Amino acid sequence: MSSSGNRTGPSASKKLDTRSLLLAAALDELKVNGELGLRIESVLQAANASFSSLYHHFGNREGLILAAQIEMLQAPISRDGAIFADLVREVNSTDDLIEWLKKGVAMTHNQATAIERAQQLAIYSAAEMKPELAAAISVANQQLTSQLAGLFSDLRGRGIFESKFSDELIAQFVQTLVLGQVVVERDSTPTDKAVWHEAVLVSLLSLLGIQI
């Protein structure tokens, strides 16, 4: 005699696929219409799913939105962590590190990441009233801090830079610079991109104790 909790095969795969489709559709809705404008009917239509499927996987509308907001935080972190890890493998000297930082600064300043920053700020704001979301933000931030700190620890250990500041503080500073870039992007007369990149680079190099 089998129980529903032990099902495997096509039916279990279908449930996983439905959850992914619902989450992807909710992400699209959030990006276009925001939390208040998200329409469950539109999500269900895009995912070709039923109300019962939504309730099965996420409980209710708020559960779906919470899962989508967490995904919006975690996906860029996973992507950027992998990109920076690839770049840091090319660093074998202080000059290489400077070039790595230049690439990193440029990578985080484009239209796509500007949209992500705005979305992240909206999620941070929503977390004021959502303890579960606030907890997820804390985990996501710590995850990125650990990833970046690990990269800087590796570079420091190889003698590529010396700094009186901890690797964790450097990692947090990098995150602050990236997210705070929204101030420049939303200014009615934004700073020239090249000038902003230079200012960010000088700030990072100073933190790392590197003179240029």
N, C-alpha and C. Protein backbone atom coordinates (compact mmCIF):
# COMPACT_ATOMS: atom_id res chain seq x y z
N MET A 1 0.86 -1.19 0.00
CA MET A 1 0.00 0.00 0.00
C MET A 1 0.88 1.23 0.00
N SER A 2 0.65 2.13 -0.95
CA SER A 2 1.50 3.32 -1.05
C SER A 2 0.79 4.52 -0.47
N SER A 3 1.56 5.50 -0.03
CA SER A 3 1.01 6.75 0.49
C SER A 3 1.35 7.87 -0.44
N SER A 4 0.57 8.95 -0.38
CA SER A 4 0.80 10.09 -1.28
C SER A 4 2.13 10.73 -1.01
N GLY A 5 2.67 10.61 0.20
CA GLY A 5 3.94 11.25 0.53
C GLY A 5 5.13 10.57 -0.09
N ASN A 6 4.92 9.32 -0.65
CA ASN A 6 6.04 8.58 -1.21
C ASN A 6 5.95 8.44 -2.72
N ARG A 7 5.13 9.23 -3.37
CA ARG A 7 4.96 9.10 -4.81
C ARG A 7 6.22 9.54 -5.55
N THR A 8 6.52 8.80 -6.59
CA THR A 8 7.63 9.17 -7.47
C THR A 8 7.16 9.03 -8.89
N GLY A 9 8.03 9.38 -9.85
CA GLY A 9 7.66 9.20 -11.25
C GLY A 9 7.05 10.44 -11.85
N PRO A 10 6.28 10.27 -12.94
CA PRO A 10 5.75 11.40 -13.71
C PRO A 10 4.92 12.37 -12.89
N SER A 11 4.08 11.85 -11.97
CA SER A 11 3.22 12.75 -11.21
C SER A 11 4.02 13.68 -10.33
N ALA A 12 5.08 13.14 -9.68
CA ALA A 12 5.94 13.98 -8.83
C ALA A 12 6.66 15.01 -9.66
N SER A 13 7.15 14.63 -10.85
CA SER A 13 7.85 15.57 -11.73
C SER A 13 6.92 16.67 -12.17
N LYS A 14 5.66 16.31 -12.45
CA LYS A 14 4.69 17.30 -12.89
C LYS A 14 4.47 18.34 -11.82
N LYS A 15 4.41 17.89 -10.53
CA LYS A 15 4.21 18.84 -9.44
C LYS A 15 5.39 19.81 -9.35
N LEU A 16 6.60 19.30 -9.50
CA LEU A 16 7.78 20.16 -9.45
C LEU A 16 7.75 21.15 -10.61
N ASP A 17 7.38 20.70 -11.79
CA ASP A 17 7.31 21.57 -12.95
C ASP A 17 6.28 22.67 -12.75
N THR A 18 5.14 22.31 -12.19
CA THR A 18 4.07 23.29 -11.96
C THR A 18 4.54 24.36 -10.99
N ARG A 19 5.24 23.96 -9.94
CA ARG A 19 5.75 24.94 -8.98
C ARG A 19 6.71 25.91 -9.66
N SER A 20 7.60 25.38 -10.47
CA SER A 20 8.57 26.23 -11.17
C SER A 20 7.87 27.19 -12.12
N LEU A 21 6.86 26.69 -12.81
CA LEU A 21 6.12 27.55 -13.74
C LEU A 21 5.37 28.65 -13.01
N LEU A 22 4.77 28.31 -11.90
CA LEU A 22 4.06 29.32 -11.10
C LEU A 22 5.03 30.38 -10.58
N LEU A 23 6.19 29.93 -10.11
CA LEU A 23 7.18 30.86 -9.58
C LEU A 23 7.71 31.78 -10.68
N ALA A 24 7.99 31.22 -11.86
CA ALA A 24 8.48 32.03 -12.98
C ALA A 24 7.43 33.06 -13.40
N ALA A 25 6.17 32.64 -13.45
CA ALA A 25 5.10 33.56 -13.83
C ALA A 25 4.93 34.67 -12.80
N ALA A 26 5.05 34.31 -11.52
CA ALA A 26 4.95 35.32 -10.46
C ALA A 26 6.10 36.31 -10.53
N LEU A 27 7.30 35.83 -10.84
CA LEU A 27 8.45 36.72 -11.00
C LEU A 27 8.21 37.73 -12.12
N ASP A 28 7.69 37.25 -13.24
CA ASP A 28 7.40 38.15 -14.36
C ASP A 28 6.38 39.20 -13.96
N GLU A 29 5.34 38.78 -13.25
CA GLU A 29 4.31 39.72 -12.79
C GLU A 29 4.88 40.76 -11.83
N LEU A 30 5.72 40.30 -10.90
CA LEU A 30 6.30 41.23 -9.94
C LEU A 30 7.18 42.26 -10.63
N LYS A 31 7.96 41.82 -11.60
CA LYS A 31 8.87 42.72 -12.29
C LYS A 31 8.13 43.78 -13.08
N VAL A 32 6.97 43.42 -13.60
CA VAL A 32 6.21 44.35 -14.43
C VAL A 32 5.25 45.20 -13.59
N ASN A 33 4.54 44.57 -12.66
CA ASN A 33 3.45 45.25 -11.96
C ASN A 33 3.69 45.49 -10.48
N GLY A 34 4.76 44.91 -9.93
CA GLY A 34 5.00 45.08 -8.51
C GLY A 34 4.08 44.19 -7.67
N GLU A 35 4.32 44.22 -6.36
CA GLU A 35 3.56 43.35 -5.46
C GLU A 35 2.07 43.66 -5.48
N LEU A 36 1.72 44.94 -5.42
CA LEU A 36 0.31 45.32 -5.37
C LEU A 36 -0.40 45.00 -6.68
N GLY A 37 0.32 45.07 -7.78
CA GLY A 37 -0.30 44.84 -9.08
C GLY A 37 -0.31 43.40 -9.54
N LEU A 38 0.28 42.50 -8.75
CA LEU A 38 0.32 41.10 -9.16
C LEU A 38 -1.08 40.50 -9.14
N ARG A 39 -1.50 39.95 -10.28
CA ARG A 39 -2.82 39.34 -10.41
C ARG A 39 -2.67 37.82 -10.49
N ILE A 40 -3.29 37.13 -9.55
CA ILE A 40 -3.19 35.68 -9.51
C ILE A 40 -3.72 35.07 -10.80
N GLU A 41 -4.79 35.64 -11.35
CA GLU A 41 -5.36 35.10 -12.58
C GLU A 41 -4.34 35.11 -13.71
N SER A 42 -3.54 36.19 -13.79
CA SER A 42 -2.52 36.29 -14.83
C SER A 42 -1.41 35.26 -14.61
N VAL A 43 -1.05 35.06 -13.35
CA VAL A 43 -0.02 34.07 -13.03
C VAL A 43 -0.49 32.67 -13.41
N LEU A 44 -1.71 32.35 -13.05
CA LEU A 44 -2.24 31.02 -13.35
C LEU A 44 -2.34 30.79 -14.85
N GLN A 45 -2.74 31.82 -15.57
CA GLN A 45 -2.86 31.69 -17.03
C GLN A 45 -1.48 31.48 -17.66
N ALA A 46 -0.50 32.25 -17.21
CA ALA A 46 0.85 32.12 -17.77
C ALA A 46 1.46 30.76 -17.45
N ALA A 47 1.16 30.23 -16.28
CA ALA A 47 1.72 28.94 -15.86
C ALA A 47 0.86 27.76 -16.28
N ASN A 48 -0.31 28.07 -16.86
CA ASN A 48 -1.26 27.01 -17.24
C ASN A 48 -1.55 26.12 -16.03
N ALA A 49 -1.83 26.77 -14.90
CA ALA A 49 -2.03 26.07 -13.65
C ALA A 49 -3.38 26.44 -13.04
N SER A 50 -3.76 25.72 -12.01
CA SER A 50 -5.04 25.94 -11.35
C SER A 50 -4.84 26.59 -9.98
N PHE A 51 -5.95 27.09 -9.42
CA PHE A 51 -5.89 27.64 -8.07
C PHE A 51 -5.43 26.58 -7.08
N SER A 52 -5.90 25.35 -7.26
CA SER A 52 -5.53 24.29 -6.33
C SER A 52 -4.02 24.02 -6.37
N SER A 53 -3.42 24.15 -7.55
CA SER A 53 -1.97 23.97 -7.66
C SER A 53 -1.23 25.07 -6.89
N LEU A 54 -1.72 26.30 -7.05
CA LEU A 54 -1.09 27.41 -6.34
C LEU A 54 -1.17 27.20 -4.84
N TYR A 55 -2.33 26.84 -4.34
CA TYR A 55 -2.49 26.63 -2.90
C TYR A 55 -1.67 25.44 -2.41
N HIS A 56 -1.55 24.43 -3.27
CA HIS A 56 -0.77 23.26 -2.89
C HIS A 56 0.71 23.61 -2.69
N HIS A 57 1.25 24.40 -3.60
CA HIS A 57 2.69 24.70 -3.57
C HIS A 57 3.04 25.89 -2.69
N PHE A 58 2.16 26.89 -2.60
CA PHE A 58 2.54 28.13 -1.92
C PHE A 58 1.57 28.56 -0.82
N GLY A 59 0.48 27.86 -0.66
CA GLY A 59 -0.46 28.20 0.41
C GLY A 59 -1.49 29.22 0.01
N ASN A 60 -1.02 30.37 -0.47
CA ASN A 60 -1.92 31.44 -0.89
C ASN A 60 -1.13 32.47 -1.71
N ARG A 61 -1.79 33.57 -2.04
CA ARG A 61 -1.15 34.61 -2.84
C ARG A 61 0.10 35.15 -2.15
N GLU A 62 0.00 35.38 -0.84
CA GLU A 62 1.14 35.93 -0.10
C GLU A 62 2.32 34.95 -0.09
N GLY A 63 2.02 33.66 -0.01
CA GLY A 63 3.08 32.67 -0.04
C GLY A 63 3.80 32.64 -1.37
N LEU A 64 3.04 32.81 -2.44
CA LEU A 64 3.63 32.85 -3.79
C LEU A 64 4.51 34.09 -3.95
N ILE A 65 4.00 35.23 -3.50
CA ILE A 65 4.77 36.48 -3.61
C ILE A 65 6.05 36.39 -2.78
N LEU A 66 5.96 35.83 -1.58
CA LEU A 66 7.14 35.68 -0.73
C LEU A 66 8.19 34.82 -1.42
N ALA A 67 7.77 33.70 -2.00
CA ALA A 67 8.72 32.81 -2.68
C ALA A 67 9.36 33.52 -3.87
N ALA A 68 8.57 34.31 -4.61
CA ALA A 68 9.10 35.03 -5.77
C ALA A 68 10.07 36.12 -5.33
N GLN A 69 9.77 36.81 -4.25
CA GLN A 69 10.66 37.86 -3.76
C GLN A 69 12.00 37.27 -3.30
N ILE A 70 11.94 36.13 -2.63
CA ILE A 70 13.17 35.47 -2.19
C ILE A 70 14.00 35.05 -3.40
N GLU A 71 13.34 34.53 -4.43
CA GLU A 71 14.04 34.13 -5.65
C GLU A 71 14.68 35.34 -6.33
N MET A 72 14.00 36.49 -6.30
CA MET A 72 14.55 37.70 -6.91
C MET A 72 15.81 38.16 -6.19
N LEU A 73 15.93 37.84 -4.92
CA LEU A 73 17.14 38.19 -4.17
C LEU A 73 18.26 37.19 -4.42
N GLN A 74 17.92 35.92 -4.42
CA GLN A 74 18.93 34.88 -4.45
C GLN A 74 19.52 34.62 -5.83
N ALA A 75 18.73 34.76 -6.88
CA ALA A 75 19.22 34.46 -8.23
C ALA A 75 20.41 35.34 -8.63
N PRO A 76 20.32 36.69 -8.47
CA PRO A 76 21.49 37.52 -8.81
C PRO A 76 22.71 37.22 -7.95
N ILE A 77 22.49 36.84 -6.69
CA ILE A 77 23.61 36.53 -5.81
C ILE A 77 24.36 35.30 -6.32
N SER A 78 23.63 34.27 -6.68
CA SER A 78 24.26 33.06 -7.21
C SER A 78 25.00 33.36 -8.50
N ARG A 79 24.37 34.15 -9.37
CA ARG A 79 25.00 34.48 -10.65
C ARG A 79 26.26 35.29 -10.46
N ASP A 80 26.18 36.37 -9.68
CA ASP A 80 27.32 37.26 -9.50
C ASP A 80 28.46 36.56 -8.75
N GLY A 81 28.10 35.71 -7.79
CA GLY A 81 29.13 34.97 -7.07
C GLY A 81 29.95 34.10 -8.00
N ALA A 82 29.27 33.45 -8.93
CA ALA A 82 29.97 32.59 -9.90
C ALA A 82 30.84 33.41 -10.85
N ILE A 83 30.32 34.57 -11.29
CA ILE A 83 31.08 35.43 -12.20
C ILE A 83 32.35 35.94 -11.53
N PHE A 84 32.22 36.44 -10.30
CA PHE A 84 33.39 36.97 -9.60
C PHE A 84 34.40 35.86 -9.28
N ALA A 85 33.90 34.68 -8.98
CA ALA A 85 34.81 33.56 -8.72
C ALA A 85 35.63 33.23 -9.96
N ASP A 86 34.99 33.29 -11.12
CA ASP A 86 35.72 33.04 -12.38
C ASP A 86 36.77 34.12 -12.62
N LEU A 87 36.38 35.37 -12.37
CA LEU A 87 37.32 36.48 -12.60
C LEU A 87 38.53 36.41 -11.68
N VAL A 88 38.29 36.05 -10.42
CA VAL A 88 39.38 36.10 -9.45
C VAL A 88 40.44 35.04 -9.76
N ARG A 89 40.08 34.00 -10.49
CA ARG A 89 41.07 32.98 -10.87
C ARG A 89 42.14 33.55 -11.79
N GLU A 90 41.82 34.67 -12.44
CA GLU A 90 42.77 35.30 -13.35
C GLU A 90 43.72 36.25 -12.63
N VAL A 91 43.51 36.46 -11.33
CA VAL A 91 44.30 37.44 -10.57
C VAL A 91 45.53 36.79 -9.97
N ASN A 92 46.69 37.27 -10.41
CA ASN A 92 47.95 36.75 -9.89
C ASN A 92 48.89 37.86 -9.43
N SER A 93 48.44 39.10 -9.49
CA SER A 93 49.27 40.23 -9.07
C SER A 93 48.36 41.39 -8.70
N THR A 94 48.95 42.42 -8.12
CA THR A 94 48.17 43.61 -7.76
C THR A 94 47.60 44.27 -9.01
N ASP A 95 48.38 44.31 -10.09
CA ASP A 95 47.87 44.88 -11.34
C ASP A 95 46.67 44.08 -11.86
N ASP A 96 46.74 42.76 -11.74
CA ASP A 96 45.61 41.92 -12.13
C ASP A 96 44.38 42.24 -11.28
N LEU A 97 44.62 42.47 -9.99
CA LEU A 97 43.51 42.78 -9.08
C LEU A 97 42.83 44.08 -9.49
N ILE A 98 43.63 45.07 -9.85
CA ILE A 98 43.07 46.35 -10.29
C ILE A 98 42.19 46.16 -11.52
N GLU A 99 42.67 45.36 -12.46
CA GLU A 99 41.88 45.09 -13.66
C GLU A 99 40.61 44.31 -13.33
N TRP A 100 40.71 43.37 -12.38
CA TRP A 100 39.56 42.60 -11.94
C TRP A 100 38.50 43.51 -11.34
N LEU A 101 38.95 44.45 -10.51
CA LEU A 101 38.01 45.39 -9.89
C LEU A 101 37.36 46.29 -10.94
N LYS A 102 38.13 46.71 -11.93
CA LYS A 102 37.57 47.52 -13.01
C LYS A 102 36.45 46.76 -13.73
N LYS A 103 36.71 45.49 -14.02
CA LYS A 103 35.70 44.67 -14.69
C LYS A 103 34.46 44.52 -13.81
N GLY A 104 34.70 44.30 -12.52
CA GLY A 104 33.59 44.12 -11.60
C GLY A 104 32.72 45.36 -11.49
N VAL A 105 33.36 46.52 -11.39
CA VAL A 105 32.62 47.78 -11.29
C VAL A 105 31.79 48.01 -12.55
N ALA A 106 32.39 47.78 -13.71
CA ALA A 106 31.66 47.98 -14.97
C ALA A 106 30.51 46.99 -15.10
N MET A 107 30.73 45.76 -14.64
CA MET A 107 29.71 44.73 -14.76
C MET A 107 28.46 45.07 -13.96
N THR A 108 28.65 45.75 -12.84
CA THR A 108 27.50 46.05 -11.97
C THR A 108 26.80 47.35 -12.34
N HIS A 109 27.24 48.00 -13.41
CA HIS A 109 26.63 49.28 -13.78
C HIS A 109 26.12 49.21 -15.21
N ASN A 110 24.94 48.62 -15.37
CA ASN A 110 24.29 48.56 -16.67
C ASN A 110 22.78 48.56 -16.46
N GLN A 111 22.03 48.61 -17.54
CA GLN A 111 20.58 48.74 -17.43
C GLN A 111 19.95 47.56 -16.70
N ALA A 112 20.43 46.35 -17.00
CA ALA A 112 19.85 45.15 -16.39
C ALA A 112 20.04 45.15 -14.88
N THR A 113 21.27 45.45 -14.43
CA THR A 113 21.51 45.44 -12.99
C THR A 113 20.86 46.64 -12.30
N ALA A 114 20.64 47.73 -13.03
CA ALA A 114 19.93 48.88 -12.46
C ALA A 114 18.50 48.47 -12.10
N ILE A 115 17.87 47.70 -12.98
CA ILE A 115 16.52 47.21 -12.71
C ILE A 115 16.53 46.28 -11.51
N GLU A 116 17.52 45.42 -11.43
CA GLU A 116 17.63 44.51 -10.29
C GLU A 116 17.78 45.28 -8.98
N ARG A 117 18.58 46.34 -8.98
CA ARG A 117 18.76 47.13 -7.76
C ARG A 117 17.45 47.74 -7.31
N ALA A 118 16.69 48.29 -8.26
CA ALA A 118 15.40 48.88 -7.91
C ALA A 118 14.46 47.83 -7.32
N GLN A 119 14.49 46.64 -7.88
CA GLN A 119 13.65 45.55 -7.38
C GLN A 119 14.10 45.13 -5.98
N GLN A 120 15.41 45.08 -5.77
CA GLN A 120 15.91 44.71 -4.45
C GLN A 120 15.49 45.71 -3.39
N LEU A 121 15.57 47.00 -3.72
CA LEU A 121 15.16 48.03 -2.77
C LEU A 121 13.68 47.90 -2.43
N ALA A 122 12.86 47.56 -3.43
CA ALA A 122 11.43 47.36 -3.18
C ALA A 122 11.21 46.18 -2.24
N ILE A 123 12.02 45.13 -2.42
CA ILE A 123 11.89 43.96 -1.55
C ILE A 123 12.34 44.30 -0.13
N TYR A 124 13.43 45.05 0.01
CA TYR A 124 13.88 45.46 1.34
C TYR A 124 12.79 46.26 2.05
N SER A 125 12.12 47.12 1.30
CA SER A 125 11.04 47.92 1.88
C SER A 125 9.88 47.03 2.32
N ALA A 126 9.52 46.07 1.48
CA ALA A 126 8.42 45.16 1.81
C ALA A 126 8.73 44.32 3.04
N ALA A 127 10.02 44.06 3.28
CA ALA A 127 10.42 43.21 4.40
C ALA A 127 10.11 43.83 5.76
N GLU A 128 9.89 45.14 5.78
CA GLU A 128 9.56 45.81 7.05
C GLU A 128 8.31 45.22 7.68
N MET A 129 7.41 44.72 6.84
CA MET A 129 6.15 44.16 7.33
C MET A 129 6.08 42.64 7.17
N LYS A 130 7.19 42.02 6.74
CA LYS A 130 7.19 40.59 6.50
C LYS A 130 8.41 39.94 7.17
N PRO A 131 8.23 39.41 8.37
CA PRO A 131 9.37 38.80 9.09
C PRO A 131 10.06 37.68 8.29
N GLU A 132 9.27 36.87 7.57
CA GLU A 132 9.87 35.78 6.80
C GLU A 132 10.77 36.32 5.69
N LEU A 133 10.33 37.41 5.07
CA LEU A 133 11.12 38.02 4.00
C LEU A 133 12.38 38.66 4.59
N ALA A 134 12.23 39.31 5.73
CA ALA A 134 13.38 39.93 6.39
C ALA A 134 14.43 38.87 6.73
N ALA A 135 13.97 37.71 7.18
CA ALA A 135 14.90 36.63 7.52
C ALA A 135 15.59 36.11 6.26
N ALA A 136 14.85 36.03 5.15
CA ALA A 136 15.44 35.57 3.89
C ALA A 136 16.47 36.56 3.38
N ILE A 137 16.20 37.85 3.54
CA ILE A 137 17.15 38.89 3.14
C ILE A 137 18.44 38.74 3.94
N SER A 138 18.30 38.51 5.24
CA SER A 138 19.47 38.35 6.10
C SER A 138 20.34 37.18 5.63
N VAL A 139 19.68 36.07 5.28
CA VAL A 139 20.41 34.89 4.81
C VAL A 139 21.09 35.18 3.48
N ALA A 140 20.36 35.84 2.56
CA ALA A 140 20.92 36.15 1.24
C ALA A 140 22.12 37.09 1.35
N ASN A 141 21.99 38.11 2.19
CA ASN A 141 23.10 39.05 2.37
C ASN A 141 24.33 38.35 2.95
N GLN A 142 24.09 37.48 3.93
CA GLN A 142 25.20 36.76 4.55
C GLN A 142 25.86 35.82 3.54
N GLN A 143 25.04 35.23 2.69
CA GLN A 143 25.57 34.34 1.65
C GLN A 143 26.52 35.09 0.73
N LEU A 144 26.09 36.26 0.27
CA LEU A 144 26.94 37.04 -0.63
C LEU A 144 28.18 37.56 0.08
N THR A 145 28.01 38.00 1.33
CA THR A 145 29.17 38.46 2.11
C THR A 145 30.21 37.36 2.25
N SER A 146 29.75 36.15 2.54
CA SER A 146 30.67 35.02 2.69
C SER A 146 31.38 34.70 1.39
N GLN A 147 30.63 34.74 0.27
CA GLN A 147 31.24 34.46 -1.03
C GLN A 147 32.33 35.47 -1.36
N LEU A 148 31.99 36.75 -1.22
CA LEU A 148 32.95 37.80 -1.55
C LEU A 148 34.13 37.79 -0.58
N ALA A 149 33.85 37.62 0.70
CA ALA A 149 34.92 37.60 1.70
C ALA A 149 35.88 36.45 1.41
N GLY A 150 35.35 35.32 0.95
CA GLY A 150 36.20 34.19 0.61
C GLY A 150 37.14 34.52 -0.53
N LEU A 151 36.65 35.27 -1.52
CA LEU A 151 37.49 35.67 -2.64
C LEU A 151 38.60 36.61 -2.19
N PHE A 152 38.23 37.59 -1.36
CA PHE A 152 39.25 38.54 -0.87
C PHE A 152 40.24 37.85 0.07
N SER A 153 39.76 36.89 0.83
CA SER A 153 40.66 36.13 1.72
C SER A 153 41.69 35.37 0.90
N ASP A 154 41.26 34.79 -0.20
CA ASP A 154 42.18 34.07 -1.09
C ASP A 154 43.24 35.01 -1.65
N LEU A 155 42.80 36.18 -2.10
CA LEU A 155 43.74 37.17 -2.66
C LEU A 155 44.72 37.66 -1.59
N ARG A 156 44.21 37.93 -0.41
CA ARG A 156 45.07 38.39 0.69
C ARG A 156 46.09 37.30 1.04
N GLY A 157 45.62 36.07 1.09
CA GLY A 157 46.50 34.97 1.44
C GLY A 157 47.62 34.77 0.44
N ARG A 158 47.39 35.18 -0.80
CA ARG A 158 48.43 35.06 -1.83
C ARG A 158 49.29 36.31 -1.91
N GLY A 159 49.11 37.23 -0.96
CA GLY A 159 49.94 38.43 -0.89
C GLY A 159 49.65 39.47 -1.95
N ILE A 160 48.46 39.43 -2.55
CA ILE A 160 48.14 40.36 -3.63
C ILE A 160 47.69 41.71 -3.10
N PHE A 161 47.18 41.73 -1.87
CA PHE A 161 46.88 43.03 -1.24
C PHE A 161 47.00 42.88 0.27
N GLU A 162 47.20 44.01 0.95
CA GLU A 162 47.21 44.05 2.41
C GLU A 162 46.25 45.15 2.84
N SER A 163 45.48 44.87 3.85
CA SER A 163 44.53 45.87 4.34
C SER A 163 44.32 45.69 5.83
N LYS A 164 44.10 46.79 6.53
CA LYS A 164 43.81 46.70 7.96
C LYS A 164 42.36 46.29 8.20
N PHE A 165 41.55 46.30 7.13
CA PHE A 165 40.13 45.95 7.26
C PHE A 165 39.93 44.46 6.97
N SER A 166 38.93 43.89 7.62
CA SER A 166 38.66 42.46 7.46
C SER A 166 38.06 42.18 6.07
N ASP A 167 38.17 40.94 5.66
CA ASP A 167 37.60 40.54 4.37
C ASP A 167 36.07 40.69 4.39
N GLU A 168 35.46 40.44 5.55
CA GLU A 168 34.00 40.58 5.66
C GLU A 168 33.58 42.03 5.49
N LEU A 169 34.33 42.96 6.11
CA LEU A 169 33.99 44.37 5.97
C LEU A 169 34.16 44.83 4.52
N ILE A 170 35.21 44.38 3.86
CA ILE A 170 35.43 44.73 2.46
C ILE A 170 34.26 44.21 1.62
N ALA A 171 33.83 42.99 1.89
CA ALA A 171 32.71 42.40 1.16
C ALA A 171 31.43 43.21 1.37
N GLN A 172 31.19 43.64 2.60
CA GLN A 172 30.00 44.44 2.88
C GLN A 172 30.08 45.80 2.19
N PHE A 173 31.27 46.36 2.15
CA PHE A 173 31.46 47.66 1.49
C PHE A 173 31.15 47.55 0.00
N VAL A 174 31.59 46.45 -0.61
CA VAL A 174 31.32 46.22 -2.03
C VAL A 174 29.81 46.16 -2.26
N GLN A 175 29.10 45.43 -1.42
CA GLN A 175 27.65 45.33 -1.56
C GLN A 175 26.97 46.69 -1.41
N THR A 176 27.47 47.48 -0.47
CA THR A 176 26.90 48.82 -0.25
C THR A 176 27.11 49.71 -1.47
N LEU A 177 28.29 49.63 -2.06
CA LEU A 177 28.57 50.42 -3.26
C LEU A 177 27.65 50.04 -4.41
N VAL A 178 27.46 48.74 -4.58
CA VAL A 178 26.64 48.25 -5.70
C VAL A 178 25.19 48.67 -5.52
N LEU A 179 24.62 48.40 -4.35
CA LEU A 179 23.21 48.73 -4.12
C LEU A 179 22.99 50.24 -4.07
N GLY A 180 23.93 50.96 -3.47
CA GLY A 180 23.81 52.41 -3.37
C GLY A 180 23.92 53.13 -4.70
N GLN A 181 24.35 52.41 -5.72
CA GLN A 181 24.47 52.99 -7.05
C GLN A 181 23.14 53.49 -7.59
N VAL A 182 22.05 53.00 -6.99
CA VAL A 182 20.72 53.43 -7.42
C VAL A 182 20.55 54.93 -7.24
N VAL A 183 21.27 55.52 -6.28
CA VAL A 183 21.18 56.97 -6.06
C VAL A 183 21.67 57.72 -7.29
N VAL A 184 22.77 57.25 -7.87
CA VAL A 184 23.32 57.87 -9.08
C VAL A 184 22.40 57.64 -10.26
N GLU A 185 21.88 56.43 -10.37
CA GLU A 185 21.05 56.07 -11.51
C GLU A 185 19.72 56.80 -11.52
N ARG A 186 19.20 57.14 -10.35
CA ARG A 186 17.90 57.80 -10.26
C ARG A 186 18.00 59.32 -10.15
N ASP A 187 19.20 59.84 -10.12
CA ASP A 187 19.37 61.30 -10.05
C ASP A 187 18.96 61.92 -11.37
N SER A 188 18.32 63.09 -11.30
CA SER A 188 17.87 63.76 -12.53
C SER A 188 19.04 64.20 -13.40
N THR A 189 20.19 64.45 -12.77
CA THR A 189 21.42 64.76 -13.51
C THR A 189 22.51 63.81 -13.01
N PRO A 190 22.45 62.53 -13.41
CA PRO A 190 23.38 61.53 -12.88
C PRO A 190 24.83 61.82 -13.23
N THR A 191 25.72 61.39 -12.35
CA THR A 191 27.15 61.52 -12.59
C THR A 191 27.54 60.71 -13.82
N ASP A 192 28.47 61.24 -14.59
CA ASP A 192 28.97 60.51 -15.76
C ASP A 192 29.45 59.12 -15.32
N LYS A 193 29.09 58.12 -16.11
CA LYS A 193 29.39 56.74 -15.75
C LYS A 193 30.88 56.51 -15.55
N ALA A 194 31.72 57.04 -16.42
CA ALA A 194 33.16 56.84 -16.31
C ALA A 194 33.71 57.46 -15.03
N VAL A 195 33.19 58.64 -14.68
CA VAL A 195 33.63 59.32 -13.46
C VAL A 195 33.20 58.52 -12.23
N TRP A 196 31.97 57.99 -12.28
CA TRP A 196 31.49 57.18 -11.16
C TRP A 196 32.33 55.92 -10.99
N HIS A 197 32.66 55.27 -12.10
CA HIS A 197 33.49 54.07 -12.04
C HIS A 197 34.85 54.37 -11.42
N GLU A 198 35.42 55.51 -11.80
CA GLU A 198 36.73 55.89 -11.25
C GLU A 198 36.64 56.13 -9.75
N ALA A 199 35.58 56.80 -9.31
CA ALA A 199 35.41 57.06 -7.88
C ALA A 199 35.23 55.78 -7.09
N VAL A 200 34.47 54.84 -7.63
CA VAL A 200 34.26 53.56 -6.96
C VAL A 200 35.57 52.79 -6.88
N LEU A 201 36.33 52.78 -7.98
CA LEU A 201 37.59 52.06 -8.01
C LEU A 201 38.57 52.64 -6.99
N VAL A 202 38.67 53.96 -6.94
CA VAL A 202 39.58 54.61 -5.98
C VAL A 202 39.18 54.24 -4.55
N SER A 203 37.88 54.22 -4.28
CA SER A 203 37.40 53.88 -2.94
C SER A 203 37.78 52.44 -2.57
N LEU A 204 37.59 51.53 -3.50
CA LEU A 204 37.92 50.13 -3.25
C LEU A 204 39.41 49.92 -3.05
N LEU A 205 40.21 50.55 -3.90
CA LEU A 205 41.66 50.40 -3.78
C LEU A 205 42.18 50.97 -2.48
N SER A 206 41.59 52.09 -2.05
CA SER A 206 41.98 52.68 -0.76
C SER A 206 41.66 51.72 0.38
N LEU A 207 40.49 51.07 0.31
CA LEU A 207 40.09 50.12 1.34
C LEU A 207 41.04 48.93 1.39
N LEU A 208 41.55 48.55 0.20
CA LEU A 208 42.46 47.41 0.11
C LEU A 208 43.90 47.79 0.39
N GLY A 209 44.15 49.09 0.59
CA GLY A 209 45.51 49.54 0.88
C GLY A 209 46.41 49.57 -0.33
N ILE A 210 45.81 49.77 -1.53
CA ILE A 210 46.57 49.78 -2.77
C ILE A 210 46.69 51.21 -3.29
N GLN A 211 47.90 51.63 -3.59
CA GLN A 211 48.17 52.95 -4.12
C GLN A 211 48.34 52.87 -5.63
N ILE A 212 47.69 53.79 -6.35
CA ILE A 212 47.89 53.85 -7.81
C ILE A 212 48.24 55.27 -8.23
